[in-house]
Amino acid sequence: MEDNLKVTSEVKKIIEENPLALATINENGEPYVIAVAYVKLKDGKLIITNNYMTNTLKNINQNNKVSLAVWDKDWAGYQINGTATYFEEGKYFDIVKFIKENEGEPCKGAIVVEINKIKRLA
């Protein structure tokens, strides 16, 4: 299985057109997973909207290593590992604020994931 793939147009399409599972680690070292939608790729980074996250943000503040999984209806997909940073203003916040799917949502901030590794799901 290939490790450390590049962000190709195929990877971008699957990410931007499907929900993703976002995993963080809590203060007890236990995994915590949520589903996220409307993820965008910008500057080679994943941009995720925070509309209602509490535990995920707490976990990222304690340990910013994250893992995501995404797949389409044909089971083509990827595991993505990276480092997350949270923004409540600036360029990345502006991106999520103006995503049409976020209209009417609170848009509290943006989680930006610097991609360290992409691996095809088998």
PDB file of N, CA and C in Angstrom:
ATOM      1  N   MET A   1       0.847  -1.181   0.000  1.00  0.00           N
ATOM      2  CA  MET A   1       0.000   0.000   0.000  1.00  0.00           C
ATOM      3  C   MET A   1       0.892   1.244   0.000  1.00  0.00           C
ATOM      4  N   GLU A   2       0.523   2.207  -0.827  1.00  0.00           N
ATOM      5  CA  GLU A   2       1.307   3.432  -0.913  1.00  0.00           C
ATOM      6  C   GLU A   2       1.095   4.300   0.327  1.00  0.00           C
ATOM      7  N   ASP A   3       2.181   4.814   0.837  1.00  0.00           N
ATOM      8  CA  ASP A   3       2.135   5.777   1.929  1.00  0.00           C
ATOM      9  C   ASP A   3       2.591   7.130   1.411  1.00  0.00           C
ATOM     10  N   ASN A   4       2.147   8.156   2.107  1.00  0.00           N
ATOM     11  CA  ASN A   4       2.554   9.524   1.825  1.00  0.00           C
ATOM     12  C   ASN A   4       2.273   9.944   0.384  1.00  0.00           C
ATOM     13  N   LEU A   5       1.039   9.761  -0.025  1.00  0.00           N
ATOM     14  CA  LEU A   5       0.590  10.206  -1.338  1.00  0.00           C
ATOM     15  C   LEU A   5       0.518  11.724  -1.378  1.00  0.00           C
ATOM     16  N   LYS A   6       0.417  12.268  -2.536  1.00  0.00           N
ATOM     17  CA  LYS A   6       0.268  13.720  -2.729  1.00  0.00           C
ATOM     18  C   LYS A   6      -1.212  14.081  -2.819  1.00  0.00           C
ATOM     19  N   VAL A   7      -1.514  15.348  -2.608  1.00  0.00           N
ATOM     20  CA  VAL A   7      -2.890  15.830  -2.759  1.00  0.00           C
ATOM     21  C   VAL A   7      -3.139  16.020  -4.257  1.00  0.00           C
ATOM     22  N   THR A   8      -3.763  15.023  -4.850  1.00  0.00           N
ATOM     23  CA  THR A   8      -4.082  15.065  -6.274  1.00  0.00           C
ATOM     24  C   THR A   8      -5.515  15.578  -6.444  1.00  0.00           C
ATOM     25  N   SER A   9      -5.931  15.752  -7.683  1.00  0.00           N
ATOM     26  CA  SER A   9      -7.313  16.170  -7.934  1.00  0.00           C
ATOM     27  C   SER A   9      -8.292  15.097  -7.461  1.00  0.00           C
ATOM     28  N   GLU A  10      -7.909  13.815  -7.536  1.00  0.00           N
ATOM     29  CA  GLU A  10      -8.764  12.722  -7.047  1.00  0.00           C
ATOM     30  C   GLU A  10      -8.927  12.804  -5.525  1.00  0.00           C
ATOM     31  N   VAL A  11      -7.826  13.016  -4.817  1.00  0.00           N
ATOM     32  CA  VAL A  11      -7.868  13.153  -3.357  1.00  0.00           C
ATOM     33  C   VAL A  11      -8.731  14.357  -2.977  1.00  0.00           C
ATOM     34  N   LYS A  12      -8.522  15.475  -3.643  1.00  0.00           N
ATOM     35  CA  LYS A  12      -9.284  16.702  -3.359  1.00  0.00           C
ATOM     36  C   LYS A  12     -10.778  16.470  -3.575  1.00  0.00           C
ATOM     37  N   LYS A  13     -11.132  15.801  -4.665  1.00  0.00           N
ATOM     38  CA  LYS A  13     -12.543  15.548  -4.980  1.00  0.00           C
ATOM     39  C   LYS A  13     -13.203  14.697  -3.893  1.00  0.00           C
ATOM     40  N   ILE A  14     -12.545  13.640  -3.478  1.00  0.00           N
ATOM     41  CA  ILE A  14     -13.115  12.772  -2.436  1.00  0.00           C
ATOM     42  C   ILE A  14     -13.263  13.540  -1.129  1.00  0.00           C
ATOM     43  N   ILE A  15     -12.266  14.336  -0.764  1.00  0.00           N
ATOM     44  CA  ILE A  15     -12.325  15.117   0.477  1.00  0.00           C
ATOM     45  C   ILE A  15     -13.461  16.132   0.435  1.00  0.00           C
ATOM     46  N   GLU A  16     -13.567  16.871  -0.646  1.00  0.00           N
ATOM     47  CA  GLU A  16     -14.528  17.974  -0.699  1.00  0.00           C
ATOM     48  C   GLU A  16     -15.964  17.521  -0.994  1.00  0.00           C
ATOM     49  N   GLU A  17     -16.152  16.268  -1.436  1.00  0.00           N
ATOM     50  CA  GLU A  17     -17.495  15.811  -1.787  1.00  0.00           C
ATOM     51  C   GLU A  17     -18.076  14.784  -0.819  1.00  0.00           C
ATOM     52  N   ASN A  18     -17.346  14.462   0.266  1.00  0.00           N
ATOM     53  CA  ASN A  18     -17.807  13.441   1.208  1.00  0.00           C
ATOM     54  C   ASN A  18     -17.540  13.874   2.646  1.00  0.00           C
ATOM     55  N   PRO A  19     -18.367  13.405   3.591  1.00  0.00           N
ATOM     56  CA  PRO A  19     -18.074  13.646   5.002  1.00  0.00           C
ATOM     57  C   PRO A  19     -16.785  12.916   5.395  1.00  0.00           C
ATOM     58  N   LEU A  20     -16.121  13.414   6.417  1.00  0.00           N
ATOM     59  CA  LEU A  20     -14.898  12.800   6.921  1.00  0.00           C
ATOM     60  C   LEU A  20     -15.058  12.460   8.394  1.00  0.00           C
ATOM     61  N   ALA A  21     -14.336  11.440   8.842  1.00  0.00           N
ATOM     62  CA  ALA A  21     -14.216  11.143  10.262  1.00  0.00           C
ATOM     63  C   ALA A  21     -12.959  11.859  10.747  1.00  0.00           C
ATOM     64  N   LEU A  22     -13.096  12.659  11.800  1.00  0.00           N
ATOM     65  CA  LEU A  22     -11.976  13.413  12.378  1.00  0.00           C
ATOM     66  C   LEU A  22     -11.696  12.862  13.768  1.00  0.00           C
ATOM     67  N   ALA A  23     -10.496  12.327  13.967  1.00  0.00           N
ATOM     68  CA  ALA A  23     -10.117  11.735  15.247  1.00  0.00           C
ATOM     69  C   ALA A  23      -9.096  12.612  15.964  1.00  0.00           C
ATOM     70  N   THR A  24      -9.355  12.822  17.255  1.00  0.00           N
ATOM     71  CA  THR A  24      -8.426  13.520  18.142  1.00  0.00           C
ATOM     72  C   THR A  24      -8.187  12.611  19.349  1.00  0.00           C
ATOM     73  N   ILE A  25      -7.310  13.034  20.233  1.00  0.00           N
ATOM     74  CA  ILE A  25      -7.010  12.277  21.449  1.00  0.00           C
ATOM     75  C   ILE A  25      -7.341  13.158  22.646  1.00  0.00           C
ATOM     76  N   ASN A  26      -8.109  12.598  23.610  1.00  0.00           N
ATOM     77  CA  ASN A  26      -8.480  13.401  24.782  1.00  0.00           C
ATOM     78  C   ASN A  26      -7.387  13.369  25.845  1.00  0.00           C
ATOM     79  N   GLU A  27      -7.622  14.072  26.948  1.00  0.00           N
ATOM     80  CA  GLU A  27      -6.611  14.208  28.004  1.00  0.00           C
ATOM     81  C   GLU A  27      -6.240  12.882  28.657  1.00  0.00           C
ATOM     82  N   ASN A  28      -7.072  11.849  28.520  1.00  0.00           N
ATOM     83  CA  ASN A  28      -6.782  10.522  29.064  1.00  0.00           C
ATOM     84  C   ASN A  28      -6.120   9.604  28.035  1.00  0.00           C
ATOM     85  N   GLY A  29      -5.798  10.158  26.862  1.00  0.00           N
ATOM     86  CA  GLY A  29      -5.164   9.361  25.816  1.00  0.00           C
ATOM     87  C   GLY A  29      -6.139   8.507  25.025  1.00  0.00           C
ATOM     88  N   GLU A  30      -7.437   8.779  25.187  1.00  0.00           N
ATOM     89  CA  GLU A  30      -8.465   8.006  24.488  1.00  0.00           C
ATOM     90  C   GLU A  30      -8.846   8.697  23.185  1.00  0.00           C
ATOM     91  N   PRO A  31      -9.117   7.914  22.133  1.00  0.00           N
ATOM     92  CA  PRO A  31      -9.536   8.526  20.867  1.00  0.00           C
ATOM     93  C   PRO A  31     -10.938   9.103  20.972  1.00  0.00           C
ATOM     94  N   TYR A  32     -11.153  10.161  20.208  1.00  0.00           N
ATOM     95  CA  TYR A  32     -12.456  10.820  20.131  1.00  0.00           C
ATOM     96  C   TYR A  32     -12.691  11.125  18.650  1.00  0.00           C
ATOM     97  N   VAL A  33     -13.785  10.618  18.096  1.00  0.00           N
ATOM     98  CA  VAL A  33     -14.037  10.749  16.659  1.00  0.00           C
ATOM     99  C   VAL A  33     -15.374  11.433  16.419  1.00  0.00           C
ATOM    100  N   ILE A  34     -15.378  12.366  15.465  1.00  0.00           N
ATOM    101  CA  ILE A  34     -16.608  13.021  15.030  1.00  0.00           C
ATOM    102  C   ILE A  34     -16.661  12.996  13.501  1.00  0.00           C
ATOM    103  N   ALA A  35     -17.832  13.240  12.965  1.00  0.00           N
ATOM    104  CA  ALA A  35     -17.994  13.388  11.520  1.00  0.00           C
ATOM    105  C   ALA A  35     -17.988  14.873  11.189  1.00  0.00           C
ATOM    106  N   VAL A  36     -17.300  15.232  10.126  1.00  0.00           N
ATOM    107  CA  VAL A  36     -17.275  16.623   9.663  1.00  0.00           C
ATOM    108  C   VAL A  36     -17.629  16.650   8.178  1.00  0.00           C
ATOM    109  N   ALA A  37     -18.265  17.728   7.771  1.00  0.00           N
ATOM    110  CA  ALA A  37     -18.651  17.889   6.372  1.00  0.00           C
ATOM    111  C   ALA A  37     -18.150  19.239   5.867  1.00  0.00           C
ATOM    112  N   TYR A  38     -18.236  19.419   4.582  1.00  0.00           N
ATOM    113  CA  TYR A  38     -17.867  20.685   3.942  1.00  0.00           C
ATOM    114  C   TYR A  38     -16.411  21.056   4.198  1.00  0.00           C
ATOM    115  N   VAL A  39     -15.548  20.061   4.186  1.00  0.00           N
ATOM    116  CA  VAL A  39     -14.111  20.290   4.339  1.00  0.00           C
ATOM    117  C   VAL A  39     -13.575  20.785   3.005  1.00  0.00           C
ATOM    118  N   LYS A  40     -12.717  21.770   3.054  1.00  0.00           N
ATOM    119  CA  LYS A  40     -12.116  22.327   1.845  1.00  0.00           C
ATOM    120  C   LYS A  40     -10.612  22.145   1.900  1.00  0.00           C
ATOM    121  N   LEU A  41      -9.997  22.083   0.730  1.00  0.00           N
ATOM    122  CA  LEU A  41      -8.548  22.070   0.620  1.00  0.00           C
ATOM    123  C   LEU A  41      -8.094  23.424   0.098  1.00  0.00           C
ATOM    124  N   LYS A  42      -7.189  24.036   0.812  1.00  0.00           N
ATOM    125  CA  LYS A  42      -6.664  25.343   0.412  1.00  0.00           C
ATOM    126  C   LYS A  42      -5.193  25.387   0.805  1.00  0.00           C
ATOM    127  N   ASP A  43      -4.346  25.776  -0.102  1.00  0.00           N
ATOM    128  CA  ASP A  43      -2.902  25.863   0.164  1.00  0.00           C
ATOM    129  C   ASP A  43      -2.333  24.533   0.653  1.00  0.00           C
ATOM    130  N   GLY A  44      -2.910  23.411   0.182  1.00  0.00           N
ATOM    131  CA  GLY A  44      -2.432  22.097   0.597  1.00  0.00           C
ATOM    132  C   GLY A  44      -2.825  21.712   2.018  1.00  0.00           C
ATOM    133  N   LYS A  45      -3.740  22.464   2.616  1.00  0.00           N
ATOM    134  CA  LYS A  45      -4.191  22.205   3.980  1.00  0.00           C
ATOM    135  C   LYS A  45      -5.692  21.914   3.985  1.00  0.00           C
ATOM    136  N   LEU A  46      -6.137  21.114   4.951  1.00  0.00           N
ATOM    137  CA  LEU A  46      -7.566  20.876   5.138  1.00  0.00           C
ATOM    138  C   LEU A  46      -8.136  22.002   5.980  1.00  0.00           C
ATOM    139  N   ILE A  47      -9.265  22.546   5.558  1.00  0.00           N
ATOM    140  CA  ILE A  47      -9.943  23.616   6.294  1.00  0.00           C
ATOM    141  C   ILE A  47     -11.295  23.065   6.739  1.00  0.00           C
ATOM    142  N   ILE A  48     -11.499  23.010   8.069  1.00  0.00           N
ATOM    143  CA  ILE A  48     -12.700  22.411   8.655  1.00  0.00           C
ATOM    144  C   ILE A  48     -13.413  23.472   9.483  1.00  0.00           C
ATOM    145  N   THR A  49     -14.710  23.603   9.285  1.00  0.00           N
ATOM    146  CA  THR A  49     -15.499  24.587  10.031  1.00  0.00           C
ATOM    147  C   THR A  49     -15.821  24.087  11.428  1.00  0.00           C
ATOM    148  N   ASN A  50     -15.663  24.963  12.415  1.00  0.00           N
ATOM    149  CA  ASN A  50     -16.178  24.690  13.756  1.00  0.00           C
ATOM    150  C   ASN A  50     -17.507  25.408  13.899  1.00  0.00           C
ATOM    151  N   ASN A  51     -18.576  24.628  13.878  1.00  0.00           N
ATOM    152  CA  ASN A  51     -19.891  25.187  14.164  1.00  0.00           C
ATOM    153  C   ASN A  51     -20.332  24.832  15.583  1.00  0.00           C
ATOM    154  N   TYR A  52     -20.090  23.591  15.990  1.00  0.00           N
ATOM    155  CA  TYR A  52     -20.608  23.123  17.283  1.00  0.00           C
ATOM    156  C   TYR A  52     -19.600  22.293  18.073  1.00  0.00           C
ATOM    157  N   MET A  53     -18.335  22.382  17.784  1.00  0.00           N
ATOM    158  CA  MET A  53     -17.330  21.537  18.425  1.00  0.00           C
ATOM    159  C   MET A  53     -16.946  22.068  19.802  1.00  0.00           C
ATOM    160  N   THR A  54     -16.882  21.174  20.762  1.00  0.00           N
ATOM    161  CA  THR A  54     -16.388  21.507  22.097  1.00  0.00           C
ATOM    162  C   THR A  54     -15.248  20.568  22.453  1.00  0.00           C
ATOM    163  N   ASN A  55     -15.551  19.265  22.520  1.00  0.00           N
ATOM    164  CA  ASN A  55     -14.537  18.282  22.898  1.00  0.00           C
ATOM    165  C   ASN A  55     -13.385  18.227  21.896  1.00  0.00           C
ATOM    166  N   THR A  56     -13.704  18.305  20.621  1.00  0.00           N
ATOM    167  CA  THR A  56     -12.651  18.254  19.597  1.00  0.00           C
ATOM    168  C   THR A  56     -11.670  19.405  19.775  1.00  0.00           C
ATOM    169  N   LEU A  57     -12.175  20.616  20.010  1.00  0.00           N
ATOM    170  CA  LEU A  57     -11.280  21.761  20.196  1.00  0.00           C
ATOM    171  C   LEU A  57     -10.450  21.624  21.467  1.00  0.00           C
ATOM    172  N   LYS A  58     -11.070  21.148  22.515  1.00  0.00           N
ATOM    173  CA  LYS A  58     -10.340  20.914  23.766  1.00  0.00           C
ATOM    174  C   LYS A  58      -9.197  19.926  23.520  1.00  0.00           C
ATOM    175  N   ASN A  59      -9.498  18.858  22.799  1.00  0.00           N
ATOM    176  CA  ASN A  59      -8.474  17.860  22.492  1.00  0.00           C
ATOM    177  C   ASN A  59      -7.350  18.437  21.646  1.00  0.00           C
ATOM    178  N   ILE A  60      -7.688  19.220  20.630  1.00  0.00           N
ATOM    179  CA  ILE A  60      -6.668  19.822  19.759  1.00  0.00           C
ATOM    180  C   ILE A  60      -5.777  20.776  20.549  1.00  0.00           C
ATOM    181  N   ASN A  61      -6.352  21.498  21.501  1.00  0.00           N
ATOM    182  CA  ASN A  61      -5.545  22.402  22.333  1.00  0.00           C
ATOM    183  C   ASN A  61      -4.547  21.639  23.201  1.00  0.00           C
ATOM    184  N   GLN A  62      -4.863  20.406  23.559  1.00  0.00           N
ATOM    185  CA  GLN A  62      -3.976  19.588  24.387  1.00  0.00           C
ATOM    186  C   GLN A  62      -3.001  18.757  23.557  1.00  0.00           C
ATOM    187  N   ASN A  63      -3.444  18.320  22.377  1.00  0.00           N
ATOM    188  CA  ASN A  63      -2.629  17.494  21.495  1.00  0.00           C
ATOM    189  C   ASN A  63      -3.116  17.761  20.078  1.00  0.00           C
ATOM    190  N   ASN A  64      -2.323  18.457  19.294  1.00  0.00           N
ATOM    191  CA  ASN A  64      -2.790  18.896  17.978  1.00  0.00           C
ATOM    192  C   ASN A  64      -2.589  17.874  16.857  1.00  0.00           C
ATOM    193  N   LYS A  65      -2.215  16.648  17.199  1.00  0.00           N
ATOM    194  CA  LYS A  65      -2.111  15.582  16.194  1.00  0.00           C
ATOM    195  C   LYS A  65      -3.511  15.050  15.908  1.00  0.00           C
ATOM    196  N   VAL A  66      -3.885  14.974  14.633  1.00  0.00           N
ATOM    197  CA  VAL A  66      -5.207  14.492  14.245  1.00  0.00           C
ATOM    198  C   VAL A  66      -5.076  13.458  13.125  1.00  0.00           C
ATOM    199  N   SER A  67      -6.136  12.675  12.975  1.00  0.00           N
ATOM    200  CA  SER A  67      -6.216  11.722  11.880  1.00  0.00           C
ATOM    201  C   SER A  67      -7.622  11.798  11.307  1.00  0.00           C
ATOM    202  N   LEU A  68      -7.727  11.705   9.995  1.00  0.00           N
ATOM    203  CA  LEU A  68      -9.015  11.753   9.329  1.00  0.00           C
ATOM    204  C   LEU A  68      -9.124  10.576   8.371  1.00  0.00           C
ATOM    205  N   ALA A  69     -10.349  10.145   8.149  1.00  0.00           N
ATOM    206  CA  ALA A  69     -10.616   9.123   7.136  1.00  0.00           C
ATOM    207  C   ALA A  69     -11.761   9.627   6.277  1.00  0.00           C
ATOM    208  N   VAL A  70     -11.647   9.408   4.979  1.00  0.00           N
ATOM    209  CA  VAL A  70     -12.691   9.804   4.043  1.00  0.00           C
ATOM    210  C   VAL A  70     -12.792   8.743   2.954  1.00  0.00           C
ATOM    211  N   TRP A  71     -14.013   8.477   2.506  1.00  0.00           N
ATOM    212  CA  TRP A  71     -14.229   7.510   1.440  1.00  0.00           C
ATOM    213  C   TRP A  71     -15.509   7.882   0.703  1.00  0.00           C
ATOM    214  N   ASP A  72     -15.589   7.428  -0.531  1.00  0.00           N
ATOM    215  CA  ASP A  72     -16.780   7.705  -1.321  1.00  0.00           C
ATOM    216  C   ASP A  72     -17.681   6.473  -1.360  1.00  0.00           C
ATOM    217  N   LYS A  73     -18.782   6.542  -2.101  1.00  0.00           N
ATOM    218  CA  LYS A  73     -19.758   5.443  -2.126  1.00  0.00           C
ATOM    219  C   LYS A  73     -19.198   4.187  -2.777  1.00  0.00           C
ATOM    220  N   ASP A  74     -18.092   4.319  -3.521  1.00  0.00           N
ATOM    221  CA  ASP A  74     -17.438   3.161  -4.137  1.00  0.00           C
ATOM    222  C   ASP A  74     -16.300   2.622  -3.277  1.00  0.00           C
ATOM    223  N   TRP A  75     -16.168   3.127  -2.069  1.00  0.00           N
ATOM    224  CA  TRP A  75     -15.157   2.714  -1.080  1.00  0.00           C
ATOM    225  C   TRP A  75     -13.740   3.124  -1.443  1.00  0.00           C
ATOM    226  N   ALA A  76     -13.575   4.072  -2.334  1.00  0.00           N
ATOM    227  CA  ALA A  76     -12.251   4.646  -2.578  1.00  0.00           C
ATOM    228  C   ALA A  76     -12.042   5.691  -1.495  1.00  0.00           C
ATOM    229  N   GLY A  77     -10.902   5.653  -0.828  1.00  0.00           N
ATOM    230  CA  GLY A  77     -10.724   6.619   0.245  1.00  0.00           C
ATOM    231  C   GLY A  77      -9.297   6.730   0.731  1.00  0.00           C
ATOM    232  N   TYR A  78      -9.134   7.603   1.731  1.00  0.00           N
ATOM    233  CA  TYR A  78      -7.803   7.938   2.232  1.00  0.00           C
ATOM    234  C   TYR A  78      -7.813   8.143   3.735  1.00  0.00           C
ATOM    235  N   GLN A  79      -6.683   7.822   4.351  1.00  0.00           N
ATOM    236  CA  GLN A  79      -6.410   8.218   5.729  1.00  0.00           C
ATOM    237  C   GLN A  79      -5.443   9.387   5.642  1.00  0.00           C
ATOM    238  N   ILE A  80      -5.725  10.419   6.428  1.00  0.00           N
ATOM    239  CA  ILE A  80      -4.901  11.625   6.410  1.00  0.00           C
ATOM    240  C   ILE A  80      -4.475  11.925   7.842  1.00  0.00           C
ATOM    241  N   ASN A  81      -3.178  12.044   8.055  1.00  0.00           N
ATOM    242  CA  ASN A  81      -2.657  12.415   9.367  1.00  0.00           C
ATOM    243  C   ASN A  81      -2.052  13.808   9.266  1.00  0.00           C
ATOM    244  N   GLY A  82      -2.215  14.572  10.342  1.00  0.00           N
ATOM    245  CA  GLY A  82      -1.673  15.919  10.304  1.00  0.00           C
ATOM    246  C   GLY A  82      -1.660  16.594  11.652  1.00  0.00           C
ATOM    247  N   THR A  83      -1.328  17.876  11.601  1.00  0.00           N
ATOM    248  CA  THR A  83      -1.238  18.724  12.773  1.00  0.00           C
ATOM    249  C   THR A  83      -2.260  19.842  12.624  1.00  0.00           C
ATOM    250  N   ALA A  84      -3.102  20.008  13.652  1.00  0.00           N
ATOM    251  CA  ALA A  84      -4.208  20.976  13.581  1.00  0.00           C
ATOM    252  C   ALA A  84      -3.891  22.268  14.333  1.00  0.00           C
ATOM    253  N   THR A  85      -4.353  23.365  13.767  1.00  0.00           N
ATOM    254  CA  THR A  85      -4.286  24.685  14.395  1.00  0.00           C
ATOM    255  C   THR A  85      -5.668  25.305  14.272  1.00  0.00           C
ATOM    256  N   TYR A  86      -6.082  26.014  15.320  1.00  0.00           N
ATOM    257  CA  TYR A  86      -7.415  26.605  15.338  1.00  0.00           C
ATOM    258  C   TYR A  86      -7.343  28.116  15.152  1.00  0.00           C
ATOM    259  N   PHE A  87      -8.223  28.660  14.291  1.00  0.00           N
ATOM    260  CA  PHE A  87      -8.268  30.086  14.013  1.00  0.00           C
ATOM    261  C   PHE A  87      -9.668  30.638  14.233  1.00  0.00           C
ATOM    262  N   GLU A  88      -9.773  31.733  14.969  1.00  0.00           N
ATOM    263  CA  GLU A  88     -11.060  32.420  15.172  1.00  0.00           C
ATOM    264  C   GLU A  88     -11.130  33.722  14.390  1.00  0.00           C
ATOM    265  N   GLU A  89     -10.100  33.992  13.595  1.00  0.00           N
ATOM    266  CA  GLU A  89     -10.076  35.164  12.725  1.00  0.00           C
ATOM    267  C   GLU A  89      -9.008  34.948  11.659  1.00  0.00           C
ATOM    268  N   GLY A  90      -9.015  35.825  10.679  1.00  0.00           N
ATOM    269  CA  GLY A  90      -7.999  35.761   9.632  1.00  0.00           C
ATOM    270  C   GLY A  90      -8.438  34.993   8.401  1.00  0.00           C
ATOM    271  N   LYS A  91      -7.469  34.701   7.553  1.00  0.00           N
ATOM    272  CA  LYS A  91      -7.675  34.110   6.233  1.00  0.00           C
ATOM    273  C   LYS A  91      -8.498  32.812   6.278  1.00  0.00           C
ATOM    274  N   TYR A  92      -8.124  31.875   7.138  1.00  0.00           N
ATOM    275  CA  TYR A  92      -8.825  30.585   7.173  1.00  0.00           C
ATOM    276  C   TYR A  92     -10.222  30.712   7.765  1.00  0.00           C
ATOM    277  N   PHE A  93     -10.385  31.570   8.743  1.00  0.00           N
ATOM    278  CA  PHE A  93     -11.714  31.826   9.294  1.00  0.00           C
ATOM    279  C   PHE A  93     -12.615  32.416   8.207  1.00  0.00           C
ATOM    280  N   ASP A  94     -12.074  33.322   7.417  1.00  0.00           N
ATOM    281  CA  ASP A  94     -12.855  33.922   6.330  1.00  0.00           C
ATOM    282  C   ASP A  94     -13.287  32.876   5.306  1.00  0.00           C
ATOM    283  N   ILE A  95     -12.441  31.886   5.046  1.00  0.00           N
ATOM    284  CA  ILE A  95     -12.798  30.824   4.096  1.00  0.00           C
ATOM    285  C   ILE A  95     -14.036  30.083   4.578  1.00  0.00           C
ATOM    286  N   VAL A  96     -14.041  29.627   5.844  1.00  0.00           N
ATOM    287  CA  VAL A  96     -15.193  28.855   6.333  1.00  0.00           C
ATOM    288  C   VAL A  96     -16.432  29.718   6.483  1.00  0.00           C
ATOM    289  N   LYS A  97     -16.228  30.966   6.830  1.00  0.00           N
ATOM    290  CA  LYS A  97     -17.351  31.875   7.021  1.00  0.00           C
ATOM    291  C   LYS A  97     -18.158  32.047   5.733  1.00  0.00           C
ATOM    292  N   PHE A  98     -17.494  31.935   4.588  1.00  0.00           N
ATOM    293  CA  PHE A  98     -18.161  32.180   3.318  1.00  0.00           C
ATOM    294  C   PHE A  98     -18.445  30.915   2.502  1.00  0.00           C
ATOM    295  N   ILE A  99     -18.284  29.730   3.115  1.00  0.00           N
ATOM    296  CA  ILE A  99     -18.699  28.498   2.446  1.00  0.00           C
ATOM    297  C   ILE A  99     -20.224  28.496   2.426  1.00  0.00           C
ATOM    298  N   LYS A 100     -20.797  28.309   1.240  1.00  0.00           N
ATOM    299  CA  LYS A 100     -22.261  28.439   1.120  1.00  0.00           C
ATOM    300  C   LYS A 100     -23.011  27.471   2.037  1.00  0.00           C
ATOM    301  N   GLU A 101     -22.453  26.278   2.281  1.00  0.00           N
ATOM    302  CA  GLU A 101     -23.111  25.308   3.155  1.00  0.00           C
ATOM    303  C   GLU A 101     -23.161  25.764   4.614  1.00  0.00           C
ATOM    304  N   ASN A 102     -22.326  26.723   4.971  1.00  0.00           N
ATOM    305  CA  ASN A 102     -22.301  27.236   6.345  1.00  0.00           C
ATOM    306  C   ASN A 102     -23.280  28.392   6.568  1.00  0.00           C
ATOM    307  N   GLU A 103     -24.008  28.767   5.542  1.00  0.00           N
ATOM    308  CA  GLU A 103     -24.976  29.854   5.677  1.00  0.00           C
ATOM    309  C   GLU A 103     -25.983  29.507   6.779  1.00  0.00           C
ATOM    310  N   GLY A 104     -26.148  30.414   7.726  1.00  0.00           N
ATOM    311  CA  GLY A 104     -27.063  30.207   8.842  1.00  0.00           C
ATOM    312  C   GLY A 104     -26.447  29.460  10.013  1.00  0.00           C
ATOM    313  N   GLU A 105     -25.227  28.988   9.865  1.00  0.00           N
ATOM    314  CA  GLU A 105     -24.511  28.296  10.945  1.00  0.00           C
ATOM    315  C   GLU A 105     -23.673  29.312  11.728  1.00  0.00           C
ATOM    316  N   PRO A 106     -23.281  28.973  12.969  1.00  0.00           N
ATOM    317  CA  PRO A 106     -22.547  29.949  13.781  1.00  0.00           C
ATOM    318  C   PRO A 106     -21.126  30.240  13.310  1.00  0.00           C
ATOM    319  N   CYS A 107     -20.482  29.330  12.595  1.00  0.00           N
ATOM    320  CA  CYS A 107     -19.114  29.544  12.084  1.00  0.00           C
ATOM    321  C   CYS A 107     -18.216  30.170  13.152  1.00  0.00           C
ATOM    322  N   LYS A 108     -17.930  29.434  14.181  1.00  0.00           N
ATOM    323  CA  LYS A 108     -17.134  29.942  15.298  1.00  0.00           C
ATOM    324  C   LYS A 108     -15.644  30.010  14.995  1.00  0.00           C
ATOM    325  N   GLY A 109     -15.181  29.187  14.051  1.00  0.00           N
ATOM    326  CA  GLY A 109     -13.755  29.194  13.739  1.00  0.00           C
ATOM    327  C   GLY A 109     -13.414  28.161  12.689  1.00  0.00           C
ATOM    328  N   ALA A 110     -12.112  28.059  12.410  1.00  0.00           N
ATOM    329  CA  ALA A 110     -11.613  27.125  11.401  1.00  0.00           C
ATOM    330  C   ALA A 110     -10.497  26.279  11.997  1.00  0.00           C
ATOM    331  N   ILE A 111     -10.611  24.979  11.804  1.00  0.00           N
ATOM    332  CA  ILE A 111      -9.515  24.070  12.134  1.00  0.00           C
ATOM    333  C   ILE A 111      -8.740  23.867  10.838  1.00  0.00           C
ATOM    334  N   VAL A 112      -7.455  24.148  10.881  1.00  0.00           N
ATOM    335  CA  VAL A 112      -6.605  24.000   9.706  1.00  0.00           C
ATOM    336  C   VAL A 112      -5.634  22.854   9.981  1.00  0.00           C
ATOM    337  N   VAL A 113      -5.667  21.858   9.102  1.00  0.00           N
ATOM    338  CA  VAL A 113      -4.819  20.684   9.274  1.00  0.00           C
ATOM    339  C   VAL A 113      -3.689  20.717   8.255  1.00  0.00           C
ATOM    340  N   GLU A 114      -2.477  20.820   8.766  1.00  0.00           N
ATOM    341  CA  GLU A 114      -1.269  20.696   7.946  1.00  0.00           C
ATOM    342  C   GLU A 114      -1.085  19.197   7.720  1.00  0.00           C
ATOM    343  N   ILE A 115      -1.162  18.772   6.468  1.00  0.00           N
ATOM    344  CA  ILE A 115      -1.113  17.346   6.138  1.00  0.00           C
ATOM    345  C   ILE A 115       0.317  16.829   6.241  1.00  0.00           C
ATOM    346  N   ASN A 116       0.494  15.786   7.064  1.00  0.00           N
ATOM    347  CA  ASN A 116       1.812  15.146   7.191  1.00  0.00           C
ATOM    348  C   ASN A 116       1.904  13.858   6.380  1.00  0.00           C
ATOM    349  N   LYS A 117       0.754  13.174   6.225  1.00  0.00           N
ATOM    350  CA  LYS A 117       0.769  11.878   5.535  1.00  0.00           C
ATOM    351  C   LYS A 117      -0.611  11.573   4.971  1.00  0.00           C
ATOM    352  N   ILE A 118      -0.638  11.071   3.755  1.00  0.00           N
ATOM    353  CA  ILE A 118      -1.877  10.596   3.127  1.00  0.00           C
ATOM    354  C   ILE A 118      -1.625   9.152   2.687  1.00  0.00           C
ATOM    355  N   LYS A 119      -2.559   8.301   3.041  1.00  0.00           N
ATOM    356  CA  LYS A 119      -2.441   6.888   2.726  1.00  0.00           C
ATOM    357  C   LYS A 119      -3.764   6.396   2.153  1.00  0.00           C
ATOM    358  N   ARG A 120      -3.704   5.630   1.077  1.00  0.00           N
ATOM    359  CA  ARG A 120      -4.916   5.072   0.474  1.00  0.00           C
ATOM    360  C   ARG A 120      -5.498   4.019   1.417  1.00  0.00           C
ATOM    361  N   LEU A 121      -6.819   4.063   1.626  1.00  0.00           N
ATOM    362  CA  LEU A 121      -7.481   3.031   2.418  1.00  0.00           C
ATOM    363  C   LEU A 121      -7.598   1.772   1.590  1.00  0.00           C
ATOM    364  N   ALA A 122      -7.340   0.631   2.211  1.00  0.00           N
ATOM    365  CA  ALA A 122      -7.398  -0.640   1.465  1.00  0.00           C
ATOM    366  C   ALA A 122      -8.749  -1.279   1.649  1.00  0.00           C
TER     367      ALA A 122
END
